[in-house]
Amino acid sequence: MPEADDHGPVGFSVAAADFYEDLENQNDRAFWTAHKDDYDALVRRPMLALTAALADEFGTAKVFRPYRDVRFSKDKTPYKTHQGAFVATAPATGYYVQIDASGLRVGAGWYDANAERKHRFRTAVDDSRKGAELQRLLKKLTSHGFELGGDRVKTQPRGWPPDHPRIDLLRHNTLTLMRWYGTPDWMSTPGLAARVADDWRTLTPLLDWHARHVG
C-alpha cells in the first residue's frame, strides 16, 4: 500500500484526538475558525490519505463533512466531534473508520435499513442454515476483538416468537462490528493503512453474508 499521496502522509497523530477533545469542550464557530487549519492538517488530510491508500482494494470512500445537520435536532452544536469515512458495499452497508477524542475505531456492518431489507435480514436469520452461519461469523469476529452493536427493538420484533433460538439477532434493525484502538503508536505511521485493511478483510465475510442474503 502507498505510504502517502497528494493529500499528505498516512497516519493520525495523538494531536488529532486532542483536537476533538478540545472541540467537545468548545463546540462553536469561534473555536472552529481559530482551529480550522488544525482540522485540515491533523484530521481531514490524513483521512483522505488513508482512504486513498485503501481505495484500490476496497473502493472509494465517502469522507464525511465536519458539519452537523441541526435542522431537526435538539442538539444545535454545529460540528461533529469525530471524523468518519465509509466505503459502501450496499445501501447503508460497508466498511467504516473513524478518529475522535478517544482515538481510532474500525468496523463494518449496516447502519440503516428500510422495511424490506429488515424483513429479508430477519428471514435469513430465521433460516436454520443462514442464521447459524451468521451466528458462527459473529462468534468468530467478536473473539477477534470486535464489539457487536447496532439498533435493536426492545422485545421481539412483530411476528416473531420470543423463544426463537436466535431472538437476539432477530431484534437487530441494524448490525455493526467495531473495534476501538485508542491511540496506539502505529496510528501515526503509514502502517495505519495496513492495520485498517487487515480489519476490513477480517470483516468482509460479514458483508458477504449480507450481500448474499439481504442484498
N, C-alpha and C. Protein backbone atom coordinates (compact mmCIF):
# COMPACT_ATOMS: atom_id res chain seq x y z
N MET A 1 0.84 -1.20 0.00
CA MET A 1 0.00 0.00 0.00
C MET A 1 0.87 1.25 0.00
N PRO A 2 0.42 2.31 -0.66
CA PRO A 2 1.22 3.52 -0.67
C PRO A 2 1.28 4.16 0.70
N GLU A 3 2.42 4.80 1.00
CA GLU A 3 2.55 5.48 2.27
C GLU A 3 1.90 6.84 2.26
N ALA A 4 1.77 7.44 1.10
CA ALA A 4 1.23 8.79 1.04
C ALA A 4 0.71 9.04 -0.36
N ASP A 5 -0.10 10.06 -0.51
CA ASP A 5 -0.50 10.54 -1.82
C ASP A 5 -0.46 12.06 -1.76
N ASP A 6 -1.13 12.71 -2.70
CA ASP A 6 -1.03 14.17 -2.72
C ASP A 6 -1.77 14.82 -1.56
N HIS A 7 -2.47 14.04 -0.73
CA HIS A 7 -3.09 14.60 0.47
C HIS A 7 -2.10 14.73 1.61
N GLY A 8 -0.98 14.02 1.51
CA GLY A 8 -0.02 14.02 2.59
C GLY A 8 0.18 12.60 3.10
N PRO A 9 0.91 12.43 4.20
CA PRO A 9 1.21 11.10 4.72
C PRO A 9 0.01 10.44 5.38
N VAL A 10 0.01 9.11 5.35
CA VAL A 10 -1.00 8.34 6.07
C VAL A 10 -0.63 8.31 7.54
N GLY A 11 -1.59 8.52 8.43
CA GLY A 11 -1.34 8.41 9.86
C GLY A 11 -1.92 9.58 10.63
N PHE A 12 -2.60 9.25 11.75
CA PHE A 12 -3.15 10.26 12.65
C PHE A 12 -2.26 10.39 13.87
N SER A 13 -1.87 11.61 14.20
CA SER A 13 -1.12 11.83 15.44
C SER A 13 -2.09 11.92 16.61
N VAL A 14 -1.55 11.80 17.83
CA VAL A 14 -2.37 11.97 19.02
C VAL A 14 -3.01 13.35 19.04
N ALA A 15 -2.39 14.31 18.37
CA ALA A 15 -2.95 15.66 18.30
C ALA A 15 -4.31 15.68 17.62
N ALA A 16 -4.59 14.71 16.75
CA ALA A 16 -5.92 14.64 16.13
C ALA A 16 -6.98 14.32 17.18
N ALA A 17 -6.68 13.38 18.07
CA ALA A 17 -7.61 13.07 19.16
C ALA A 17 -7.73 14.27 20.11
N ASP A 18 -6.61 14.96 20.36
CA ASP A 18 -6.65 16.15 21.22
C ASP A 18 -7.53 17.24 20.61
N PHE A 19 -7.46 17.38 19.29
CA PHE A 19 -8.31 18.36 18.61
C PHE A 19 -9.77 18.10 18.92
N TYR A 20 -10.19 16.84 18.84
CA TYR A 20 -11.60 16.53 19.11
C TYR A 20 -11.96 16.65 20.58
N GLU A 21 -11.02 16.39 21.46
CA GLU A 21 -11.29 16.62 22.88
C GLU A 21 -11.55 18.10 23.14
N ASP A 22 -10.75 18.95 22.50
CA ASP A 22 -10.96 20.39 22.65
C ASP A 22 -12.27 20.82 22.02
N LEU A 23 -12.61 20.25 20.87
CA LEU A 23 -13.86 20.60 20.20
C LEU A 23 -15.07 20.19 21.04
N GLU A 24 -14.98 19.07 21.73
CA GLU A 24 -16.08 18.66 22.61
C GLU A 24 -16.31 19.68 23.71
N ASN A 25 -15.24 20.32 24.15
CA ASN A 25 -15.35 21.31 25.22
C ASN A 25 -15.78 22.68 24.73
N GLN A 26 -15.55 22.97 23.46
CA GLN A 26 -15.93 24.27 22.91
C GLN A 26 -16.40 24.09 21.47
N ASN A 27 -17.61 23.57 21.33
CA ASN A 27 -18.14 23.29 20.00
C ASN A 27 -18.90 24.52 19.50
N ASP A 28 -18.14 25.47 18.97
CA ASP A 28 -18.76 26.69 18.46
C ASP A 28 -17.93 27.26 17.32
N ARG A 29 -18.47 28.26 16.68
CA ARG A 29 -17.82 28.83 15.49
C ARG A 29 -16.48 29.48 15.84
N ALA A 30 -16.38 30.09 17.01
CA ALA A 30 -15.14 30.75 17.38
C ALA A 30 -13.99 29.75 17.45
N PHE A 31 -14.22 28.61 18.10
CA PHE A 31 -13.18 27.60 18.17
C PHE A 31 -12.84 27.08 16.78
N TRP A 32 -13.88 26.77 16.00
CA TRP A 32 -13.66 26.19 14.67
C TRP A 32 -12.85 27.15 13.78
N THR A 33 -13.20 28.41 13.79
CA THR A 33 -12.50 29.39 12.97
C THR A 33 -11.03 29.47 13.37
N ALA A 34 -10.79 29.42 14.67
CA ALA A 34 -9.41 29.53 15.16
C ALA A 34 -8.59 28.27 14.87
N HIS A 35 -9.26 27.12 14.71
CA HIS A 35 -8.54 25.85 14.60
C HIS A 35 -8.85 25.09 13.31
N LYS A 36 -9.43 25.78 12.32
CA LYS A 36 -9.75 25.11 11.05
C LYS A 36 -8.51 24.54 10.39
N ASP A 37 -7.40 25.25 10.46
CA ASP A 37 -6.15 24.73 9.87
C ASP A 37 -5.69 23.46 10.59
N ASP A 38 -5.92 23.39 11.90
CA ASP A 38 -5.57 22.17 12.64
C ASP A 38 -6.42 21.00 12.15
N TYR A 39 -7.71 21.24 11.96
CA TYR A 39 -8.59 20.18 11.45
C TYR A 39 -8.08 19.68 10.10
N ASP A 40 -7.76 20.60 9.20
CA ASP A 40 -7.31 20.20 7.87
C ASP A 40 -6.02 19.39 7.95
N ALA A 41 -5.07 19.84 8.76
CA ALA A 41 -3.76 19.19 8.81
C ALA A 41 -3.76 17.89 9.61
N LEU A 42 -4.50 17.87 10.73
CA LEU A 42 -4.44 16.74 11.65
C LEU A 42 -5.47 15.66 11.35
N VAL A 43 -6.58 16.06 10.74
CA VAL A 43 -7.71 15.15 10.59
C VAL A 43 -8.06 14.89 9.13
N ARG A 44 -8.48 15.92 8.43
CA ARG A 44 -9.02 15.69 7.09
C ARG A 44 -7.98 15.17 6.10
N ARG A 45 -6.83 15.82 6.02
CA ARG A 45 -5.83 15.37 5.05
C ARG A 45 -5.32 13.95 5.37
N PRO A 46 -5.03 13.60 6.63
CA PRO A 46 -4.67 12.20 6.90
C PRO A 46 -5.79 11.21 6.58
N MET A 47 -7.05 11.59 6.80
CA MET A 47 -8.15 10.69 6.45
C MET A 47 -8.24 10.50 4.94
N LEU A 48 -8.06 11.57 4.19
CA LEU A 48 -8.07 11.45 2.73
C LEU A 48 -6.91 10.58 2.25
N ALA A 49 -5.75 10.73 2.87
CA ALA A 49 -4.60 9.91 2.50
C ALA A 49 -4.85 8.44 2.84
N LEU A 50 -5.43 8.18 4.01
CA LEU A 50 -5.73 6.81 4.41
C LEU A 50 -6.71 6.16 3.44
N THR A 51 -7.80 6.83 3.14
CA THR A 51 -8.80 6.23 2.26
C THR A 51 -8.27 6.06 0.84
N ALA A 52 -7.40 6.96 0.42
CA ALA A 52 -6.78 6.79 -0.90
C ALA A 52 -5.89 5.55 -0.92
N ALA A 53 -5.17 5.31 0.18
CA ALA A 53 -4.30 4.13 0.26
C ALA A 53 -5.09 2.83 0.25
N LEU A 54 -6.34 2.87 0.69
CA LEU A 54 -7.19 1.67 0.77
C LEU A 54 -8.08 1.49 -0.46
N ALA A 55 -8.14 2.49 -1.32
CA ALA A 55 -9.14 2.51 -2.38
C ALA A 55 -8.96 1.39 -3.40
N ASP A 56 -7.73 1.05 -3.76
CA ASP A 56 -7.53 0.03 -4.79
C ASP A 56 -8.16 -1.30 -4.40
N GLU A 57 -8.08 -1.63 -3.12
CA GLU A 57 -8.61 -2.92 -2.66
C GLU A 57 -10.09 -2.85 -2.28
N PHE A 58 -10.51 -1.75 -1.66
CA PHE A 58 -11.86 -1.73 -1.09
C PHE A 58 -12.83 -0.80 -1.80
N GLY A 59 -12.32 0.14 -2.57
CA GLY A 59 -13.19 1.08 -3.25
C GLY A 59 -13.08 2.48 -2.67
N THR A 60 -13.70 3.40 -3.36
CA THR A 60 -13.64 4.80 -2.98
C THR A 60 -14.49 5.06 -1.74
N ALA A 61 -13.92 5.78 -0.80
CA ALA A 61 -14.62 6.07 0.45
C ALA A 61 -15.32 7.41 0.37
N LYS A 62 -16.40 7.52 1.13
CA LYS A 62 -17.02 8.81 1.39
C LYS A 62 -16.43 9.32 2.70
N VAL A 63 -15.76 10.46 2.64
CA VAL A 63 -15.22 11.11 3.84
C VAL A 63 -16.24 12.16 4.26
N PHE A 64 -16.81 11.98 5.42
CA PHE A 64 -17.95 12.80 5.83
C PHE A 64 -17.54 14.23 6.15
N ARG A 65 -18.47 15.14 5.90
CA ARG A 65 -18.26 16.55 6.21
C ARG A 65 -18.22 16.75 7.72
N PRO A 66 -17.52 17.78 8.19
CA PRO A 66 -17.41 18.00 9.64
C PRO A 66 -18.60 18.73 10.24
N TYR A 67 -19.54 19.16 9.41
CA TYR A 67 -20.64 19.99 9.91
C TYR A 67 -21.87 19.14 10.19
N ARG A 68 -22.51 19.38 11.30
CA ARG A 68 -23.72 18.66 11.67
C ARG A 68 -24.94 19.29 10.99
N ASP A 69 -25.91 18.45 10.65
CA ASP A 69 -27.21 18.93 10.18
C ASP A 69 -28.09 19.11 11.42
N VAL A 70 -28.30 20.37 11.81
CA VAL A 70 -29.00 20.65 13.07
C VAL A 70 -30.46 21.06 12.84
N ARG A 71 -30.92 20.96 11.60
CA ARG A 71 -32.27 21.47 11.29
C ARG A 71 -33.35 20.79 12.11
N PHE A 72 -33.23 19.50 12.34
CA PHE A 72 -34.28 18.76 13.03
C PHE A 72 -33.78 18.15 14.33
N SER A 73 -32.72 18.73 14.88
CA SER A 73 -32.11 18.19 16.09
C SER A 73 -32.23 19.18 17.24
N LYS A 74 -32.46 18.65 18.43
CA LYS A 74 -32.44 19.50 19.62
C LYS A 74 -31.03 19.94 19.97
N ASP A 75 -30.06 19.13 19.59
CA ASP A 75 -28.66 19.47 19.81
C ASP A 75 -28.21 20.40 18.68
N LYS A 76 -27.93 21.63 19.00
CA LYS A 76 -27.59 22.63 17.98
C LYS A 76 -26.08 22.87 17.86
N THR A 77 -25.26 22.03 18.50
CA THR A 77 -23.82 22.21 18.30
C THR A 77 -23.50 21.99 16.83
N PRO A 78 -22.68 22.88 16.25
CA PRO A 78 -22.57 22.89 14.79
C PRO A 78 -21.61 21.88 14.18
N TYR A 79 -20.70 21.30 14.97
CA TYR A 79 -19.63 20.49 14.38
C TYR A 79 -19.63 19.07 14.95
N LYS A 80 -19.36 18.11 14.08
CA LYS A 80 -19.25 16.72 14.51
C LYS A 80 -17.99 16.56 15.36
N THR A 81 -18.09 15.74 16.39
CA THR A 81 -16.94 15.51 17.27
C THR A 81 -16.21 14.22 16.88
N HIS A 82 -16.24 13.90 15.63
CA HIS A 82 -15.50 12.77 15.07
C HIS A 82 -15.37 12.98 13.57
N GLN A 83 -14.42 12.29 12.97
CA GLN A 83 -14.29 12.27 11.51
C GLN A 83 -14.39 10.82 11.06
N GLY A 84 -15.39 10.53 10.27
CA GLY A 84 -15.58 9.18 9.77
C GLY A 84 -15.41 9.12 8.27
N ALA A 85 -15.14 7.89 7.79
CA ALA A 85 -15.10 7.60 6.36
C ALA A 85 -15.75 6.24 6.15
N PHE A 86 -16.44 6.09 5.03
CA PHE A 86 -17.28 4.92 4.79
C PHE A 86 -17.12 4.46 3.36
N VAL A 87 -16.91 3.15 3.18
CA VAL A 87 -16.87 2.53 1.86
C VAL A 87 -18.10 1.65 1.73
N ALA A 88 -19.01 2.02 0.85
CA ALA A 88 -20.28 1.29 0.72
C ALA A 88 -20.10 0.02 -0.10
N THR A 89 -20.74 -1.06 0.36
CA THR A 89 -20.84 -2.29 -0.41
C THR A 89 -22.29 -2.58 -0.81
N ALA A 90 -23.22 -1.88 -0.18
CA ALA A 90 -24.65 -1.96 -0.47
C ALA A 90 -25.26 -0.73 0.20
N PRO A 91 -26.55 -0.45 -0.02
CA PRO A 91 -27.15 0.72 0.64
C PRO A 91 -26.96 0.69 2.16
N ALA A 92 -26.35 1.75 2.70
CA ALA A 92 -26.12 1.90 4.15
C ALA A 92 -25.37 0.72 4.75
N THR A 93 -24.50 0.10 3.94
CA THR A 93 -23.77 -1.11 4.35
C THR A 93 -22.34 -1.01 3.84
N GLY A 94 -21.36 -1.34 4.70
CA GLY A 94 -19.99 -1.31 4.22
C GLY A 94 -18.98 -1.20 5.34
N TYR A 95 -17.79 -0.72 4.97
CA TYR A 95 -16.65 -0.58 5.88
C TYR A 95 -16.61 0.83 6.46
N TYR A 96 -16.04 0.95 7.67
CA TYR A 96 -16.03 2.24 8.35
C TYR A 96 -14.72 2.41 9.12
N VAL A 97 -14.24 3.67 9.17
CA VAL A 97 -13.10 4.02 10.01
C VAL A 97 -13.37 5.41 10.57
N GLN A 98 -12.90 5.66 11.80
CA GLN A 98 -13.22 6.93 12.48
C GLN A 98 -12.08 7.32 13.41
N ILE A 99 -11.87 8.64 13.51
CA ILE A 99 -10.99 9.22 14.52
C ILE A 99 -11.80 10.20 15.36
N ASP A 100 -11.64 10.14 16.68
CA ASP A 100 -12.33 11.06 17.58
C ASP A 100 -11.47 11.25 18.82
N ALA A 101 -12.05 11.84 19.85
CA ALA A 101 -11.26 12.15 21.05
C ALA A 101 -10.72 10.89 21.73
N SER A 102 -11.40 9.77 21.57
CA SER A 102 -10.94 8.53 22.19
C SER A 102 -9.91 7.80 21.35
N GLY A 103 -9.70 8.25 20.12
CA GLY A 103 -8.73 7.61 19.24
C GLY A 103 -9.38 7.01 18.01
N LEU A 104 -8.86 5.86 17.60
CA LEU A 104 -9.24 5.22 16.34
C LEU A 104 -10.25 4.11 16.57
N ARG A 105 -11.21 4.00 15.66
CA ARG A 105 -12.10 2.84 15.63
C ARG A 105 -12.30 2.38 14.20
N VAL A 106 -12.45 1.08 14.03
CA VAL A 106 -12.55 0.45 12.71
C VAL A 106 -13.68 -0.56 12.76
N GLY A 107 -14.48 -0.62 11.71
CA GLY A 107 -15.58 -1.58 11.73
C GLY A 107 -16.24 -1.76 10.38
N ALA A 108 -17.39 -2.43 10.44
CA ALA A 108 -18.20 -2.68 9.24
C ALA A 108 -19.58 -3.12 9.68
N GLY A 109 -20.51 -3.12 8.74
CA GLY A 109 -21.86 -3.57 9.02
C GLY A 109 -22.87 -2.75 8.26
N TRP A 110 -24.11 -2.76 8.76
CA TRP A 110 -25.15 -1.96 8.13
C TRP A 110 -25.81 -1.09 9.20
N TYR A 111 -25.90 0.22 8.89
CA TYR A 111 -26.32 1.20 9.88
C TYR A 111 -27.72 1.73 9.63
N ASP A 112 -28.36 1.28 8.58
CA ASP A 112 -29.74 1.71 8.30
C ASP A 112 -30.37 0.64 7.43
N ALA A 113 -31.67 0.52 7.49
CA ALA A 113 -32.36 -0.46 6.66
C ALA A 113 -33.82 -0.07 6.55
N ASN A 114 -34.36 -0.19 5.34
CA ASN A 114 -35.79 0.05 5.16
C ASN A 114 -36.55 -1.21 5.57
N ALA A 115 -37.86 -1.14 5.52
CA ALA A 115 -38.68 -2.25 5.99
C ALA A 115 -38.41 -3.53 5.20
N GLU A 116 -38.19 -3.39 3.90
CA GLU A 116 -37.96 -4.58 3.07
C GLU A 116 -36.65 -5.27 3.45
N ARG A 117 -35.59 -4.48 3.65
CA ARG A 117 -34.30 -5.10 4.00
C ARG A 117 -34.33 -5.67 5.42
N LYS A 118 -35.04 -5.02 6.33
CA LYS A 118 -35.19 -5.61 7.67
C LYS A 118 -35.88 -6.96 7.58
N HIS A 119 -36.92 -7.04 6.74
CA HIS A 119 -37.63 -8.31 6.60
C HIS A 119 -36.72 -9.39 6.00
N ARG A 120 -35.94 -9.02 4.98
CA ARG A 120 -35.03 -10.00 4.38
C ARG A 120 -33.98 -10.45 5.38
N PHE A 121 -33.47 -9.52 6.18
CA PHE A 121 -32.49 -9.88 7.21
C PHE A 121 -33.10 -10.87 8.20
N ARG A 122 -34.29 -10.56 8.70
CA ARG A 122 -34.89 -11.44 9.71
C ARG A 122 -35.29 -12.79 9.11
N THR A 123 -35.69 -12.80 7.86
CA THR A 123 -36.00 -14.07 7.21
C THR A 123 -34.74 -14.93 7.11
N ALA A 124 -33.61 -14.30 6.81
CA ALA A 124 -32.35 -15.04 6.73
C ALA A 124 -31.93 -15.55 8.11
N VAL A 125 -32.08 -14.72 9.13
CA VAL A 125 -31.73 -15.14 10.48
C VAL A 125 -32.62 -16.29 10.94
N ASP A 126 -33.88 -16.27 10.53
CA ASP A 126 -34.83 -17.33 10.89
C ASP A 126 -34.44 -18.67 10.26
N ASP A 127 -33.85 -18.63 9.09
CA ASP A 127 -33.44 -19.85 8.39
C ASP A 127 -32.34 -20.56 9.19
N SER A 128 -32.50 -21.84 9.40
CA SER A 128 -31.57 -22.56 10.28
C SER A 128 -30.15 -22.54 9.73
N ARG A 129 -29.97 -22.65 8.43
CA ARG A 129 -28.63 -22.66 7.86
C ARG A 129 -28.04 -21.25 7.80
N LYS A 130 -28.79 -20.31 7.25
CA LYS A 130 -28.28 -18.93 7.11
C LYS A 130 -28.09 -18.27 8.47
N GLY A 131 -29.05 -18.47 9.35
CA GLY A 131 -28.94 -17.88 10.68
C GLY A 131 -27.78 -18.44 11.47
N ALA A 132 -27.58 -19.76 11.38
CA ALA A 132 -26.46 -20.37 12.09
C ALA A 132 -25.13 -19.89 11.52
N GLU A 133 -25.08 -19.68 10.21
CA GLU A 133 -23.86 -19.16 9.59
C GLU A 133 -23.52 -17.78 10.15
N LEU A 134 -24.53 -16.92 10.28
CA LEU A 134 -24.29 -15.59 10.85
C LEU A 134 -23.85 -15.70 12.30
N GLN A 135 -24.45 -16.57 13.07
CA GLN A 135 -24.03 -16.75 14.46
C GLN A 135 -22.56 -17.15 14.55
N ARG A 136 -22.14 -18.07 13.69
CA ARG A 136 -20.74 -18.51 13.71
C ARG A 136 -19.81 -17.35 13.34
N LEU A 137 -20.21 -16.58 12.33
CA LEU A 137 -19.40 -15.43 11.92
C LEU A 137 -19.23 -14.44 13.07
N LEU A 138 -20.34 -14.11 13.73
CA LEU A 138 -20.29 -13.14 14.81
C LEU A 138 -19.48 -13.65 15.99
N LYS A 139 -19.59 -14.92 16.29
CA LYS A 139 -18.79 -15.51 17.37
C LYS A 139 -17.30 -15.40 17.05
N LYS A 140 -16.93 -15.69 15.80
CA LYS A 140 -15.53 -15.62 15.40
C LYS A 140 -15.03 -14.18 15.44
N LEU A 141 -15.84 -13.26 14.92
CA LEU A 141 -15.40 -11.86 14.84
C LEU A 141 -15.31 -11.21 16.22
N THR A 142 -16.24 -11.50 17.10
CA THR A 142 -16.16 -10.94 18.44
C THR A 142 -14.97 -11.54 19.20
N SER A 143 -14.61 -12.78 18.88
CA SER A 143 -13.44 -13.37 19.52
C SER A 143 -12.15 -12.70 19.04
N HIS A 144 -12.21 -12.03 17.88
CA HIS A 144 -11.07 -11.28 17.36
C HIS A 144 -11.03 -9.85 17.91
N GLY A 145 -11.94 -9.52 18.80
CA GLY A 145 -11.89 -8.21 19.45
C GLY A 145 -12.88 -7.19 18.93
N PHE A 146 -13.75 -7.57 18.00
CA PHE A 146 -14.78 -6.65 17.53
C PHE A 146 -15.99 -6.71 18.45
N GLU A 147 -16.61 -5.56 18.65
CA GLU A 147 -17.77 -5.46 19.52
C GLU A 147 -19.04 -5.37 18.69
N LEU A 148 -20.01 -6.20 19.00
CA LEU A 148 -21.28 -6.22 18.28
C LEU A 148 -22.15 -5.05 18.74
N GLY A 149 -22.68 -4.31 17.78
CA GLY A 149 -23.54 -3.18 18.09
C GLY A 149 -24.66 -3.07 17.06
N GLY A 150 -25.38 -1.97 17.15
CA GLY A 150 -26.49 -1.72 16.24
C GLY A 150 -27.76 -1.42 16.99
N ASP A 151 -28.72 -0.84 16.29
CA ASP A 151 -30.02 -0.54 16.88
C ASP A 151 -30.86 -1.81 16.95
N ARG A 152 -31.55 -1.99 18.08
CA ARG A 152 -32.36 -3.19 18.27
C ARG A 152 -33.70 -2.82 18.88
N VAL A 153 -34.72 -3.60 18.56
CA VAL A 153 -36.01 -3.43 19.22
C VAL A 153 -35.87 -3.97 20.64
N LYS A 154 -36.68 -3.45 21.56
CA LYS A 154 -36.52 -3.79 22.97
C LYS A 154 -37.00 -5.20 23.29
N THR A 155 -38.04 -5.65 22.60
CA THR A 155 -38.53 -7.01 22.82
C THR A 155 -38.36 -7.78 21.52
N GLN A 156 -39.21 -8.74 21.23
CA GLN A 156 -39.10 -9.42 19.95
C GLN A 156 -39.77 -8.59 18.85
N PRO A 157 -39.25 -8.63 17.62
CA PRO A 157 -39.91 -7.91 16.53
C PRO A 157 -41.27 -8.53 16.24
N ARG A 158 -42.16 -7.72 15.74
CA ARG A 158 -43.53 -8.17 15.47
C ARG A 158 -43.53 -9.35 14.50
N GLY A 159 -44.26 -10.39 14.88
CA GLY A 159 -44.38 -11.57 14.03
C GLY A 159 -43.39 -12.67 14.34
N TRP A 160 -42.50 -12.45 15.32
CA TRP A 160 -41.51 -13.47 15.64
C TRP A 160 -41.68 -13.90 17.09
N PRO A 161 -41.58 -15.19 17.39
CA PRO A 161 -41.83 -15.68 18.75
C PRO A 161 -40.71 -15.27 19.70
N PRO A 162 -41.03 -14.97 20.95
CA PRO A 162 -39.99 -14.57 21.91
C PRO A 162 -39.02 -15.68 22.26
N ASP A 163 -39.39 -16.95 22.00
CA ASP A 163 -38.49 -18.06 22.32
C ASP A 163 -37.72 -18.55 21.10
N HIS A 164 -37.66 -17.73 20.06
CA HIS A 164 -36.90 -18.11 18.87
C HIS A 164 -35.44 -18.35 19.27
N PRO A 165 -34.77 -19.38 18.74
CA PRO A 165 -33.39 -19.67 19.16
C PRO A 165 -32.39 -18.57 18.81
N ARG A 166 -32.76 -17.69 17.86
CA ARG A 166 -31.86 -16.58 17.52
C ARG A 166 -32.58 -15.24 17.73
N ILE A 167 -33.36 -15.17 18.81
CA ILE A 167 -34.15 -13.96 19.05
C ILE A 167 -33.26 -12.73 19.24
N ASP A 168 -32.06 -12.90 19.82
CA ASP A 168 -31.18 -11.74 19.99
C ASP A 168 -30.78 -11.13 18.65
N LEU A 169 -30.54 -11.96 17.65
CA LEU A 169 -30.21 -11.45 16.33
C LEU A 169 -31.43 -10.88 15.64
N LEU A 170 -32.59 -11.51 15.82
CA LEU A 170 -33.81 -11.01 15.20
C LEU A 170 -34.17 -9.62 15.69
N ARG A 171 -33.73 -9.26 16.88
CA ARG A 171 -34.05 -7.94 17.43
C ARG A 171 -33.30 -6.82 16.72
N HIS A 172 -32.26 -7.14 15.97
CA HIS A 172 -31.45 -6.11 15.32
C HIS A 172 -32.19 -5.48 14.15
N ASN A 173 -32.27 -4.14 14.17
CA ASN A 173 -32.65 -3.39 12.98
C ASN A 173 -31.40 -3.06 12.15
N THR A 174 -30.32 -2.76 12.82
CA THR A 174 -29.03 -2.56 12.19
C THR A 174 -28.01 -3.42 12.94
N LEU A 175 -26.86 -3.64 12.30
CA LEU A 175 -25.86 -4.51 12.93
C LEU A 175 -24.48 -4.03 12.52
N THR A 176 -23.64 -3.78 13.50
CA THR A 176 -22.27 -3.35 13.25
C THR A 176 -21.31 -4.13 14.13
N LEU A 177 -20.09 -4.24 13.65
CA LEU A 177 -18.99 -4.77 14.44
C LEU A 177 -17.90 -3.71 14.43
N MET A 178 -17.41 -3.34 15.61
CA MET A 178 -16.47 -2.23 15.73
C MET A 178 -15.35 -2.61 16.69
N ARG A 179 -14.14 -2.17 16.35
CA ARG A 179 -13.00 -2.35 17.24
C ARG A 179 -12.45 -0.97 17.60
N TRP A 180 -12.29 -0.72 18.90
CA TRP A 180 -11.74 0.54 19.40
C TRP A 180 -10.26 0.34 19.73
N TYR A 181 -9.40 1.21 19.23
CA TYR A 181 -7.96 1.06 19.40
C TYR A 181 -7.35 2.07 20.36
N GLY A 182 -8.03 3.16 20.65
CA GLY A 182 -7.38 4.23 21.39
C GLY A 182 -6.38 4.94 20.48
N THR A 183 -5.20 5.25 21.02
CA THR A 183 -4.19 5.98 20.24
C THR A 183 -2.87 5.21 20.26
N PRO A 184 -2.80 4.06 19.63
CA PRO A 184 -1.56 3.29 19.61
C PRO A 184 -0.48 4.00 18.80
N ASP A 185 0.77 3.63 19.02
CA ASP A 185 1.88 4.28 18.33
C ASP A 185 1.75 4.16 16.82
N TRP A 186 1.29 3.00 16.32
CA TRP A 186 1.23 2.80 14.88
C TRP A 186 0.16 3.65 14.20
N MET A 187 -0.73 4.27 14.99
CA MET A 187 -1.77 5.11 14.39
C MET A 187 -1.17 6.30 13.63
N SER A 188 0.01 6.74 14.04
CA SER A 188 0.63 7.91 13.43
C SER A 188 1.58 7.55 12.29
N THR A 189 1.63 6.27 11.91
CA THR A 189 2.57 5.81 10.89
C THR A 189 1.82 5.35 9.65
N PRO A 190 2.54 5.21 8.52
CA PRO A 190 1.90 4.66 7.32
C PRO A 190 1.36 3.24 7.53
N GLY A 191 1.84 2.54 8.58
CA GLY A 191 1.31 1.22 8.88
C GLY A 191 -0.16 1.23 9.26
N LEU A 192 -0.71 2.40 9.54
CA LEU A 192 -2.14 2.51 9.83
C LEU A 192 -2.98 1.91 8.71
N ALA A 193 -2.61 2.17 7.46
CA ALA A 193 -3.39 1.65 6.34
C ALA A 193 -3.43 0.14 6.34
N ALA A 194 -2.31 -0.49 6.63
CA ALA A 194 -2.26 -1.95 6.67
C ALA A 194 -3.12 -2.50 7.81
N ARG A 195 -3.12 -1.82 8.95
CA ARG A 195 -3.94 -2.26 10.09
C ARG A 195 -5.43 -2.18 9.75
N VAL A 196 -5.85 -1.06 9.17
CA VAL A 196 -7.26 -0.92 8.79
C VAL A 196 -7.62 -1.95 7.74
N ALA A 197 -6.75 -2.15 6.76
CA ALA A 197 -7.03 -3.14 5.71
C ALA A 197 -7.18 -4.54 6.31
N ASP A 198 -6.33 -4.90 7.27
CA ASP A 198 -6.45 -6.22 7.90
C ASP A 198 -7.81 -6.38 8.57
N ASP A 199 -8.24 -5.34 9.29
CA ASP A 199 -9.54 -5.41 9.95
C ASP A 199 -10.67 -5.51 8.92
N TRP A 200 -10.61 -4.72 7.88
CA TRP A 200 -11.66 -4.77 6.87
C TRP A 200 -11.71 -6.14 6.18
N ARG A 201 -10.53 -6.73 5.91
CA ARG A 201 -10.53 -8.08 5.33
C ARG A 201 -11.18 -9.08 6.29
N THR A 202 -10.86 -8.94 7.58
CA THR A 202 -11.44 -9.85 8.57
C THR A 202 -12.96 -9.72 8.61
N LEU A 203 -13.47 -8.51 8.38
CA LEU A 203 -14.91 -8.25 8.44
C LEU A 203 -15.62 -8.54 7.12
N THR A 204 -14.88 -8.77 6.06
CA THR A 204 -15.50 -8.98 4.74
C THR A 204 -16.51 -10.13 4.74
N PRO A 205 -16.28 -11.26 5.41
CA PRO A 205 -17.30 -12.32 5.40
C PRO A 205 -18.65 -11.87 5.94
N LEU A 206 -18.67 -10.93 6.88
CA LEU A 206 -19.95 -10.40 7.37
C LEU A 206 -20.68 -9.67 6.25
N LEU A 207 -19.97 -8.83 5.50
CA LEU A 207 -20.60 -8.10 4.41
C LEU A 207 -20.97 -9.04 3.27
N ASP A 208 -20.19 -10.10 3.07
CA ASP A 208 -20.55 -11.10 2.06
C ASP A 208 -21.84 -11.81 2.43
N TRP A 209 -21.99 -12.14 3.72
CA TRP A 209 -23.25 -12.75 4.18
C TRP A 209 -24.42 -11.82 3.90
N HIS A 210 -24.25 -10.58 4.21
CA HIS A 210 -25.31 -9.59 3.97
C HIS A 210 -25.63 -9.50 2.48
N ALA A 211 -24.61 -9.49 1.63
CA ALA A 211 -24.83 -9.38 0.19
C ALA A 211 -25.62 -10.57 -0.35
N ARG A 212 -25.32 -11.77 0.15
CA ARG A 212 -26.00 -12.98 -0.33
C ARG A 212 -27.44 -13.06 0.14
N HIS A 213 -27.69 -12.66 1.38
CA HIS A 213 -28.99 -12.95 1.99
C HIS A 213 -29.88 -11.75 2.21
N VAL A 214 -29.32 -10.55 2.14
CA VAL A 214 -30.13 -9.34 2.33
C VAL A 214 -30.11 -8.47 1.07
N GLY A 215 -28.90 -8.27 0.53
CA GLY A 215 -28.79 -7.54 -0.73
C GLY A 215 -28.64 -6.05 -0.50
